[in-house]
C-alpha atoms as a PDB file:
ATOM      1  CA  MET A   1     -31.818 -73.096  -3.084  1.00  0.00           C
ATOM      2  CA  MET A   2     -30.883 -72.807   0.591  1.00  0.00           C
ATOM      3  CA  GLY A   3     -27.201 -72.645  -0.325  1.00  0.00           C
ATOM      4  CA  GLY A   4     -27.807 -69.786  -2.742  1.00  0.00           C
ATOM      5  CA  LEU A   5     -29.867 -67.929  -0.135  1.00  0.00           C
ATOM      6  CA  ALA A   6     -27.134 -68.406   2.430  1.00  0.00           C
ATOM      7  CA  ARG A   7     -24.520 -67.045   0.011  1.00  0.00           C
ATOM      8  CA  PHE A   8     -26.760 -64.056  -0.712  1.00  0.00           C
ATOM      9  CA  PHE A   9     -27.110 -63.143   2.975  1.00  0.00           C
ATOM     10  CA  ALA A  10     -23.407 -63.758   3.504  1.00  0.00           C
ATOM     11  CA  ALA A  11     -22.563 -61.404   0.639  1.00  0.00           C
ATOM     12  CA  ILE A  12     -24.755 -58.727   2.225  1.00  0.00           C
ATOM     13  CA  GLY A  13     -23.859 -59.430   5.824  1.00  0.00           C
ATOM     14  CA  HIS A  14     -20.076 -59.341   5.599  1.00  0.00           C
ATOM     15  CA  PRO A  15     -19.880 -55.730   4.287  1.00  0.00           C
ATOM     16  CA  VAL A  16     -22.437 -54.610   6.874  1.00  0.00           C
ATOM     17  CA  ILE A  17     -20.538 -56.267   9.717  1.00  0.00           C
ATOM     18  CA  ASP A  18     -17.253 -54.820   8.457  1.00  0.00           C
ATOM     19  CA  SER A  19     -18.792 -51.345   8.242  1.00  0.00           C
ATOM     20  CA  ILE A  20     -20.167 -51.562  11.784  1.00  0.00           C
ATOM     21  CA  GLU A  21     -16.818 -52.816  13.056  1.00  0.00           C
ATOM     22  CA  ARG A  22     -14.995 -49.975  11.308  1.00  0.00           C
ATOM     23  CA  LEU A  23     -17.478 -47.442  12.676  1.00  0.00           C
ATOM     24  CA  GLY A  24     -16.828 -48.729  16.185  1.00  0.00           C
ATOM     25  CA  PHE A  25     -13.077 -48.465  15.636  1.00  0.00           C
ATOM     26  CA  ALA A  26     -13.522 -44.901  14.353  1.00  0.00           C
ATOM     27  CA  SER A  27     -15.579 -43.961  17.428  1.00  0.00           C
ATOM     28  CA  ARG A  28     -12.897 -45.390  19.704  1.00  0.00           C
ATOM     29  CA  PHE A  29     -10.253 -43.532  17.707  1.00  0.00           C
ATOM     30  CA  PHE A  30     -12.122 -40.232  18.134  1.00  0.00           C
ATOM     31  CA  GLY A  31     -12.491 -40.870  21.863  1.00  0.00           C
ATOM     32  CA  LEU A  32      -8.737 -41.446  22.175  1.00  0.00           C
ATOM     33  CA  ILE A  33      -8.067 -38.156  20.394  1.00  0.00           C
ATOM     34  CA  LEU A  34     -10.158 -36.322  22.983  1.00  0.00           C
ATOM     35  CA  LEU A  35      -8.491 -38.171  25.864  1.00  0.00           C
ATOM     36  CA  ARG A  36      -4.993 -37.334  24.608  1.00  0.00           C
ATOM     37  CA  SER A  37      -5.802 -33.722  23.778  1.00  0.00           C
ATOM     38  CA  GLY A  38      -4.709 -32.454  27.177  1.00  0.00           C
ATOM     39  CA  THR A  39      -1.139 -33.556  26.529  1.00  0.00           C
ATOM     40  CA  SER A  40      -1.173 -31.787  23.173  1.00  0.00           C
ATOM     41  CA  PHE A  41      -2.327 -28.491  24.663  1.00  0.00           C
ATOM     42  CA  LEU A  42       0.457 -28.648  27.225  1.00  0.00           C
ATOM     43  CA  ARG A  43       2.798 -28.448  24.224  1.00  0.00           C
ATOM     44  CA  PHE A  44       0.758 -25.908  22.287  1.00  0.00           C
ATOM     45  CA  GLY A  45       3.604 -25.305  19.865  1.00  0.00           C
ATOM     46  CA  LEU A  46       2.637 -28.578  18.187  1.00  0.00           C
ATOM     47  CA  VAL A  47      -0.897 -27.295  17.632  1.00  0.00           C
ATOM     48  CA  ILE A  48       0.384 -23.947  16.331  1.00  0.00           C
ATOM     49  CA  ARG A  49       2.544 -25.769  13.792  1.00  0.00           C
ATOM     50  CA  GLU A  50      -0.455 -27.761  12.593  1.00  0.00           C
ATOM     51  CA  ILE A  51      -2.574 -24.596  12.360  1.00  0.00           C
ATOM     52  CA  PHE A  52       0.083 -23.240  10.023  1.00  0.00           C
ATOM     53  CA  SER A  53       0.177 -26.468   8.021  1.00  0.00           C
ATOM     54  CA  ALA A  54      -3.605 -26.857   7.729  1.00  0.00           C
ATOM     55  CA  GLY A  55      -4.671 -23.220   7.717  1.00  0.00           C
ATOM     56  CA  VAL A  56      -1.998 -20.870   6.415  1.00  0.00           C
ATOM     57  CA  LEU A  57      -0.966 -23.187   3.603  1.00  0.00           C
ATOM     58  CA  SER A  58      -4.627 -23.438   2.539  1.00  0.00           C
ATOM     59  CA  MET A  59      -5.196 -19.676   2.383  1.00  0.00           C
ATOM     60  CA  LEU A  60      -4.288 -19.239  -1.277  1.00  0.00           C
ATOM     61  CA  ILE A  61      -7.000 -21.555  -2.594  1.00  0.00           C
ATOM     62  CA  ILE A  62      -9.478 -20.150  -0.038  1.00  0.00           C
ATOM     63  CA  ILE A  63      -8.825 -16.521  -1.033  1.00  0.00           C
ATOM     64  CA  VAL A  64      -8.885 -17.123  -4.781  1.00  0.00           C
ATOM     65  CA  SER A  65     -12.005 -19.302  -4.594  1.00  0.00           C
ATOM     66  CA  GLY A  66     -13.780 -16.879  -2.262  1.00  0.00           C
ATOM     67  CA  LEU A  67     -13.063 -13.957  -4.569  1.00  0.00           C
ATOM     68  CA  PHE A  68     -14.489 -15.684  -7.640  1.00  0.00           C
ATOM     69  CA  VAL A  69     -17.492 -17.112  -5.773  1.00  0.00           C
ATOM     70  CA  GLY A  70     -18.315 -13.622  -4.525  1.00  0.00           C
ATOM     71  CA  MET A  71     -17.932 -12.159  -8.013  1.00  0.00           C
ATOM     72  CA  VAL A  72     -20.250 -14.793  -9.477  1.00  0.00           C
ATOM     73  CA  LEU A  73     -22.784 -14.135  -6.706  1.00  0.00           C
ATOM     74  CA  GLY A  74     -22.629 -10.427  -7.440  1.00  0.00           C
ATOM     75  CA  LEU A  75     -23.121 -10.928 -11.159  1.00  0.00           C
ATOM     76  CA  GLN A  76     -25.918 -13.485 -10.944  1.00  0.00           C
ATOM     77  CA  GLY A  77     -27.580 -11.792  -7.989  1.00  0.00           C
ATOM     78  CA  TYR A  78     -27.636  -8.416  -9.729  1.00  0.00           C
ATOM     79  CA  ARG A  79     -29.319  -9.869 -12.807  1.00  0.00           C
ATOM     80  CA  THR A  80     -31.965 -11.596 -10.682  1.00  0.00           C
ATOM     81  CA  LEU A  81     -32.628  -8.665  -8.356  1.00  0.00           C
ATOM     82  CA  GLN A  82     -32.744  -6.208 -11.235  1.00  0.00           C
ATOM     83  CA  THR A  83     -35.682  -8.131 -12.672  1.00  0.00           C
ATOM     84  CA  TYR A  84     -37.700  -7.305  -9.534  1.00  0.00           C
ATOM     85  CA  GLY A  85     -36.373  -3.784  -9.110  1.00  0.00           C
ATOM     86  CA  SER A  86     -34.304  -4.680  -6.028  1.00  0.00           C
ATOM     87  CA  ALA A  87     -30.751  -4.284  -7.316  1.00  0.00           C
ATOM     88  CA  ASP A  88     -29.869  -2.164  -4.271  1.00  0.00           C
ATOM     89  CA  SER A  89     -30.260  -5.289  -2.100  1.00  0.00           C
ATOM     90  CA  LEU A  90     -27.289  -6.950  -3.765  1.00  0.00           C
ATOM     91  CA  GLY A  91     -25.123  -6.547  -0.661  1.00  0.00           C
ATOM     92  CA  VAL A  92     -27.677  -8.404   1.448  1.00  0.00           C
ATOM     93  CA  LEU A  93     -27.873 -11.269  -1.035  1.00  0.00           C
ATOM     94  CA  VAL A  94     -24.101 -11.659  -1.279  1.00  0.00           C
ATOM     95  CA  ALA A  95     -23.454 -11.379   2.470  1.00  0.00           C
ATOM     96  CA  LEU A  96     -26.219 -13.749   3.609  1.00  0.00           C
ATOM     97  CA  SER A  97     -25.389 -16.333   0.939  1.00  0.00           C
ATOM     98  CA  LEU A  98     -21.744 -16.369   1.978  1.00  0.00           C
ATOM     99  CA  VAL A  99     -22.061 -16.108   5.754  1.00  0.00           C
ATOM    100  CA  ARG A 100     -24.872 -18.621   6.124  1.00  0.00           C
ATOM    101  CA  GLU A 101     -24.066 -21.254   3.515  1.00  0.00           C
ATOM    102  CA  LEU A 102     -21.410 -20.821   0.874  1.00  0.00           C
ATOM    103  CA  GLY A 103     -18.661 -19.603   3.186  1.00  0.00           C
ATOM    104  CA  PRO A 104     -18.654 -22.551   5.624  1.00  0.00           C
ATOM    105  CA  VAL A 105     -19.619 -25.207   3.056  1.00  0.00           C
ATOM    106  CA  VAL A 106     -17.343 -24.306   0.127  1.00  0.00           C
ATOM    107  CA  ALA A 107     -14.434 -23.509   2.448  1.00  0.00           C
ATOM    108  CA  ALA A 108     -14.921 -26.899   4.141  1.00  0.00           C
ATOM    109  CA  LEU A 109     -14.964 -28.733   0.804  1.00  0.00           C
ATOM    110  CA  LEU A 110     -11.766 -26.970  -0.257  1.00  0.00           C
ATOM    111  CA  PHE A 111     -10.234 -27.640   3.154  1.00  0.00           C
ATOM    112  CA  ALA A 112     -11.049 -31.343   2.867  1.00  0.00           C
ATOM    113  CA  GLY A 113      -9.471 -31.502  -0.574  1.00  0.00           C
ATOM    114  CA  ARG A 114      -6.289 -29.720   0.434  1.00  0.00           C
ATOM    115  CA  ALA A 115      -5.598 -30.129   4.180  1.00  0.00           C
ATOM    116  CA  GLY A 116      -7.630 -33.295   4.776  1.00  0.00           C
ATOM    117  CA  THR A 117      -5.827 -35.274   2.100  1.00  0.00           C
ATOM    118  CA  ALA A 118      -2.482 -33.957   3.366  1.00  0.00           C
ATOM    119  CA  MET A 119      -3.218 -35.223   6.888  1.00  0.00           C
ATOM    120  CA  THR A 120      -4.327 -38.612   5.602  1.00  0.00           C
ATOM    121  CA  THR A 121      -1.202 -38.982   3.490  1.00  0.00           C
ATOM    122  CA  GLU A 122       1.127 -37.885   6.281  1.00  0.00           C
ATOM    123  CA  VAL A 123      -0.317 -40.254   8.876  1.00  0.00           C
ATOM    124  CA  GLY A 124      -0.631 -43.090   6.341  1.00  0.00           C
ATOM    125  CA  LEU A 125       3.016 -42.756   5.312  1.00  0.00           C
ATOM    126  CA  MET A 126       4.091 -42.591   8.951  1.00  0.00           C
ATOM    127  CA  LYS A 127       2.287 -45.865   9.513  1.00  0.00           C
ATOM    128  CA  ALA A 128       3.686 -47.432   6.328  1.00  0.00           C
ATOM    129  CA  THR A 129       7.265 -46.490   7.274  1.00  0.00           C
ATOM    130  CA  GLU A 130       6.681 -47.635  10.886  1.00  0.00           C
ATOM    131  CA  GLN A 131       7.307 -44.208  12.383  1.00  0.00           C
ATOM    132  CA  LEU A 132       4.239 -44.555  14.591  1.00  0.00           C
ATOM    133  CA  SER A 133       5.483 -47.914  15.874  1.00  0.00           C
ATOM    134  CA  ALA A 134       8.902 -46.387  16.533  1.00  0.00           C
ATOM    135  CA  LEU A 135       7.312 -43.634  18.633  1.00  0.00           C
ATOM    136  CA  SER A 136       5.443 -46.243  20.679  1.00  0.00           C
ATOM    137  CA  MET A 137       8.674 -48.157  21.254  1.00  0.00           C
ATOM    138  CA  MET A 138      10.267 -44.950  22.587  1.00  0.00           C
ATOM    139  CA  ALA A 139       7.346 -44.508  25.038  1.00  0.00           C
ATOM    140  CA  VAL A 140       5.905 -41.602  23.016  1.00  0.00           C
ATOM    141  CA  ASP A 141       2.149 -41.820  22.497  1.00  0.00           C
ATOM    142  CA  PRO A 142       1.434 -41.303  18.754  1.00  0.00           C
ATOM    143  CA  MET A 143      -2.101 -40.161  19.565  1.00  0.00           C
ATOM    144  CA  ALA A 144      -0.809 -37.317  21.756  1.00  0.00           C
ATOM    145  CA  ARG A 145       2.232 -36.423  19.638  1.00  0.00           C
ATOM    146  CA  ILE A 146       0.964 -36.879  16.060  1.00  0.00           C
ATOM    147  CA  ILE A 147      -2.817 -37.268  15.882  1.00  0.00           C
ATOM    148  CA  ALA A 148      -4.293 -34.868  18.475  1.00  0.00           C
ATOM    149  CA  PRO A 149      -2.252 -31.780  17.438  1.00  0.00           C
ATOM    150  CA  ARG A 150      -3.323 -32.268  13.827  1.00  0.00           C
ATOM    151  CA  PHE A 151      -6.934 -32.651  14.887  1.00  0.00           C
ATOM    152  CA  TRP A 152      -7.042 -29.456  16.925  1.00  0.00           C
ATOM    153  CA  GLY A 153      -4.968 -27.537  14.403  1.00  0.00           C
ATOM    154  CA  ALA A 154      -7.579 -28.300  11.746  1.00  0.00           C
ATOM    155  CA  VAL A 155     -10.499 -27.539  14.081  1.00  0.00           C
ATOM    156  CA  ILE A 156      -9.054 -24.119  14.930  1.00  0.00           C
ATOM    157  CA  ALA A 157      -8.057 -23.308  11.345  1.00  0.00           C
ATOM    158  CA  MET A 158     -11.388 -24.179   9.712  1.00  0.00           C
ATOM    159  CA  PRO A 159     -13.526 -21.304  11.156  1.00  0.00           C
ATOM    160  CA  LEU A 160     -10.762 -18.814  10.359  1.00  0.00           C
ATOM    161  CA  LEU A 161     -10.605 -19.997   6.761  1.00  0.00           C
ATOM    162  CA  ALA A 162     -14.383 -19.858   6.440  1.00  0.00           C
ATOM    163  CA  ALA A 163     -14.372 -16.274   7.754  1.00  0.00           C
ATOM    164  CA  ILE A 164     -11.655 -15.303   5.271  1.00  0.00           C
ATOM    165  CA  PHE A 165     -13.610 -16.964   2.460  1.00  0.00           C
ATOM    166  CA  SER A 166     -16.767 -15.016   3.346  1.00  0.00           C
ATOM    167  CA  ALA A 167     -14.921 -11.697   3.724  1.00  0.00           C
ATOM    168  CA  VAL A 168     -13.115 -12.069   0.407  1.00  0.00           C
ATOM    169  CA  GLY A 169     -16.378 -13.187  -1.215  1.00  0.00           C
ATOM    170  CA  VAL A 170     -18.149 -10.040  -0.020  1.00  0.00           C
ATOM    171  CA  PHE A 171     -15.293  -8.004  -1.481  1.00  0.00           C
ATOM    172  CA  GLY A 172     -15.699  -9.869  -4.773  1.00  0.00           C
ATOM    173  CA  GLY A 173     -19.408  -9.095  -4.782  1.00  0.00           C
ATOM    174  CA  TYR A 174     -18.555  -5.445  -4.089  1.00  0.00           C
ATOM    175  CA  LEU A 175     -16.158  -5.326  -7.035  1.00  0.00           C
ATOM    176  CA  VAL A 176     -18.769  -6.655  -9.433  1.00  0.00           C
ATOM    177  CA  GLY A 177     -21.838  -4.932  -8.002  1.00  0.00           C
ATOM    178  CA  VAL A 178     -20.462  -1.507  -7.144  1.00  0.00           C
ATOM    179  CA  VAL A 179     -17.384  -1.050  -9.310  1.00  0.00           C
ATOM    180  CA  LEU A 180     -18.508  -2.917 -12.429  1.00  0.00           C
ATOM    181  CA  LEU A 181     -22.327  -2.695 -12.448  1.00  0.00           C
ATOM    182  CA  GLY A 182     -22.831   0.627 -10.688  1.00  0.00           C
ATOM    183  CA  VAL A 183     -24.784  -0.274  -7.542  1.00  0.00           C
ATOM    184  CA  ASP A 184     -24.671   2.556  -5.013  1.00  0.00           C
ATOM    185  CA  ASP A 185     -21.732   2.139  -2.627  1.00  0.00           C
ATOM    186  CA  GLY A 186     -23.491   3.377   0.514  1.00  0.00           C
ATOM    187  CA  THR A 187     -26.619   1.324  -0.162  1.00  0.00           C
ATOM    188  CA  PHE A 188     -24.566  -1.822  -0.730  1.00  0.00           C
ATOM    189  CA  TRP A 189     -22.863  -1.610   2.685  1.00  0.00           C
ATOM    190  CA  SER A 190     -25.700  -0.092   4.732  1.00  0.00           C
ATOM    191  CA  GLN A 191     -28.303  -2.669   3.706  1.00  0.00           C
ATOM    192  CA  MET A 192     -25.776  -5.456   4.302  1.00  0.00           C
ATOM    193  CA  GLN A 193     -25.044  -4.205   7.842  1.00  0.00           C
ATOM    194  CA  ALA A 194     -28.744  -3.849   8.613  1.00  0.00           C
ATOM    195  CA  ALA A 195     -29.692  -7.318   7.337  1.00  0.00           C
ATOM    196  CA  VAL A 196     -26.860  -9.491   8.664  1.00  0.00           C
ATOM    197  CA  ASP A 197     -27.503 -10.533  12.267  1.00  0.00           C
ATOM    198  CA  PHE A 198     -24.587 -11.598  14.450  1.00  0.00           C
ATOM    199  CA  ARG A 199     -26.346 -14.467  16.200  1.00  0.00           C
ATOM    200  CA  GLU A 200     -28.604 -15.753  13.444  1.00  0.00           C
ATOM    201  CA  ASP A 201     -26.087 -15.483  10.623  1.00  0.00           C
ATOM    202  CA  ILE A 202     -22.462 -15.006  11.665  1.00  0.00           C
ATOM    203  CA  LEU A 203     -22.494 -17.165  14.809  1.00  0.00           C
ATOM    204  CA  ASN A 204     -24.370 -19.967  13.078  1.00  0.00           C
ATOM    205  CA  GLY A 205     -21.823 -19.893  10.259  1.00  0.00           C
ATOM    206  CA  VAL A 206     -19.002 -20.178  12.802  1.00  0.00           C
ATOM    207  CA  ILE A 207     -20.721 -23.143  14.464  1.00  0.00           C
ATOM    208  CA  LYS A 208     -21.089 -24.846  11.097  1.00  0.00           C
ATOM    209  CA  SER A 209     -17.419 -24.365  10.272  1.00  0.00           C
ATOM    210  CA  LEU A 210     -16.373 -25.717  13.678  1.00  0.00           C
ATOM    211  CA  VAL A 211     -18.455 -28.852  13.149  1.00  0.00           C
ATOM    212  CA  PHE A 212     -17.073 -29.258   9.634  1.00  0.00           C
ATOM    213  CA  GLY A 213     -13.526 -28.861  10.948  1.00  0.00           C
ATOM    214  CA  CYS A 214     -14.080 -31.588  13.553  1.00  0.00           C
ATOM    215  CA  VAL A 215     -15.592 -33.969  11.001  1.00  0.00           C
ATOM    216  CA  ILE A 216     -12.962 -33.379   8.298  1.00  0.00           C
ATOM    217  CA  SER A 217      -9.998 -33.761  10.632  1.00  0.00           C
ATOM    218  CA  ALA A 218     -11.437 -36.835  12.362  1.00  0.00           C
ATOM    219  CA  ILE A 219     -12.160 -38.558   9.040  1.00  0.00           C
ATOM    220  CA  ALA A 220      -8.782 -37.618   7.554  1.00  0.00           C
ATOM    221  CA  LEU A 221      -6.766 -38.776  10.556  1.00  0.00           C
ATOM    222  CA  PHE A 222      -8.738 -41.989  10.960  1.00  0.00           C
ATOM    223  CA  GLU A 223      -8.352 -42.889   7.284  1.00  0.00           C
ATOM    224  CA  GLY A 224      -4.609 -42.310   7.498  1.00  0.00           C
ATOM    225  CA  TYR A 225      -4.263 -44.257  10.741  1.00  0.00           C
ATOM    226  CA  ASP A 226      -6.376 -47.138   9.432  1.00  0.00           C
ATOM    227  CA  ALA A 227      -4.784 -47.248   5.954  1.00  0.00           C
ATOM    228  CA  PRO A 228      -2.980 -50.454   4.912  1.00  0.00           C
ATOM    229  CA  PRO A 229       0.790 -49.790   5.060  1.00  0.00           C
ATOM    230  CA  THR A 230       1.245 -49.809   1.289  1.00  0.00           C
ATOM    231  CA  ALA A 231       1.314 -47.154  -1.431  1.00  0.00           C
ATOM    232  CA  GLU A 232      -2.004 -48.410  -2.774  1.00  0.00           C
ATOM    233  CA  GLY A 233      -3.534 -48.449   0.702  1.00  0.00           C
ATOM    234  CA  VAL A 234      -2.520 -44.846   1.397  1.00  0.00           C
ATOM    235  CA  SER A 235      -3.827 -43.664  -1.985  1.00  0.00           C
ATOM    236  CA  ARG A 236      -7.195 -45.349  -1.396  1.00  0.00           C
ATOM    237  CA  ALA A 237      -7.386 -43.839   2.087  1.00  0.00           C
ATOM    238  CA  THR A 238      -6.752 -40.389   0.612  1.00  0.00           C
ATOM    239  CA  THR A 239      -9.568 -40.900  -1.890  1.00  0.00           C
ATOM    240  CA  ARG A 240     -11.926 -42.061   0.860  1.00  0.00           C
ATOM    241  CA  THR A 241     -11.070 -38.943   2.865  1.00  0.00           C
ATOM    242  CA  VAL A 242     -12.231 -36.625   0.088  1.00  0.00           C
ATOM    243  CA  VAL A 243     -15.391 -38.606  -0.712  1.00  0.00           C
ATOM    244  CA  THR A 244     -16.466 -39.254   2.878  1.00  0.00           C
ATOM    245  CA  SER A 245     -15.672 -35.727   4.054  1.00  0.00           C
ATOM    246  CA  SER A 246     -17.568 -34.140   1.158  1.00  0.00           C
ATOM    247  CA  LEU A 247     -20.666 -36.251   1.754  1.00  0.00           C
ATOM    248  CA  ALA A 248     -20.492 -35.633   5.508  1.00  0.00           C
ATOM    249  CA  ILE A 249     -20.199 -31.865   4.982  1.00  0.00           C
ATOM    250  CA  LEU A 250     -23.238 -31.715   2.712  1.00  0.00           C
ATOM    251  CA  ALA A 251     -25.333 -33.945   4.966  1.00  0.00           C
ATOM    252  CA  LEU A 252     -24.373 -32.067   8.129  1.00  0.00           C
ATOM    253  CA  ASP A 253     -25.041 -28.756   6.419  1.00  0.00           C
ATOM    254  CA  PHE A 254     -28.656 -29.783   5.875  1.00  0.00           C
ATOM    255  CA  VAL A 255     -29.031 -31.038   9.452  1.00  0.00           C
ATOM    256  CA  LEU A 256     -27.433 -27.961  11.014  1.00  0.00           C
ATOM    257  CA  THR A 257     -29.426 -25.597   8.822  1.00  0.00           C
ATOM    258  CA  ALA A 258     -32.662 -27.367   9.760  1.00  0.00           C
ATOM    259  CA  PHE A 259     -31.901 -26.926  13.465  1.00  0.00           C
ATOM    260  CA  MET A 260     -30.564 -23.362  13.242  1.00  0.00           C
ATOM    261  CA  PHE A 261     -33.320 -21.865  11.115  1.00  0.00           C
ATOM    262  CA  LYS A 262     -36.279 -23.981  12.142  1.00  0.00           C
ATOM    263  CA  GLY A 263     -37.881 -20.999  13.868  1.00  0.00           C
ATOM    264  CA  VAL A 264     -37.356 -18.623  10.946  1.00  0.00           C
END
């Protein structure tokens, strides 16, 4: 009886201890990124290259997804608002939905699936092929040369992608609402401009996307750096990046929304 109880607690305790240990390693890893960031900004060309890799190369999926999300919002929103005789408020519905929630959240999920997995794979393969060890042997800090530029490139790119997603989504809502369904053009834009507040809506959306960018890049880089140096290890790390980043985005979205709009 006592032996079975001991095995039960051991089976529970080992995963918990491993998780706490890994969380501590991840916190130390994030701290090292911040400490080595100064060196990266001295060679800002490295950060610019990572902005291109994480941001520009992700624009196609962001633009296409934003357009269709905006078109769906316009179509569904028009049907709902028309029921209550408020079809002229379609611009407000589309803009607020995108700027406050869908823009930062959907763009972050797409960013995690495209750029986050790419960063995990790159760093994991560098570790598997001992490129990171070779840099250390040549007195080049991998954290300053490889990890930190990727982190800041993703952090800078994420708000820009979220803004593009929201802008293209509003255009998609305009195409459906005004061009297809016949909502008045002037009413669509004027009510949108009157309802969308810079601080309460746009700035809060930017803050959300910045937080999401930090979380996605930190998770992606840590998973790649911590991945076992095998093909299977890198593939599992890439999967964990998508799952963990997606759950973190959704959880943080609730927390940030609760803080930002608690007085509304």
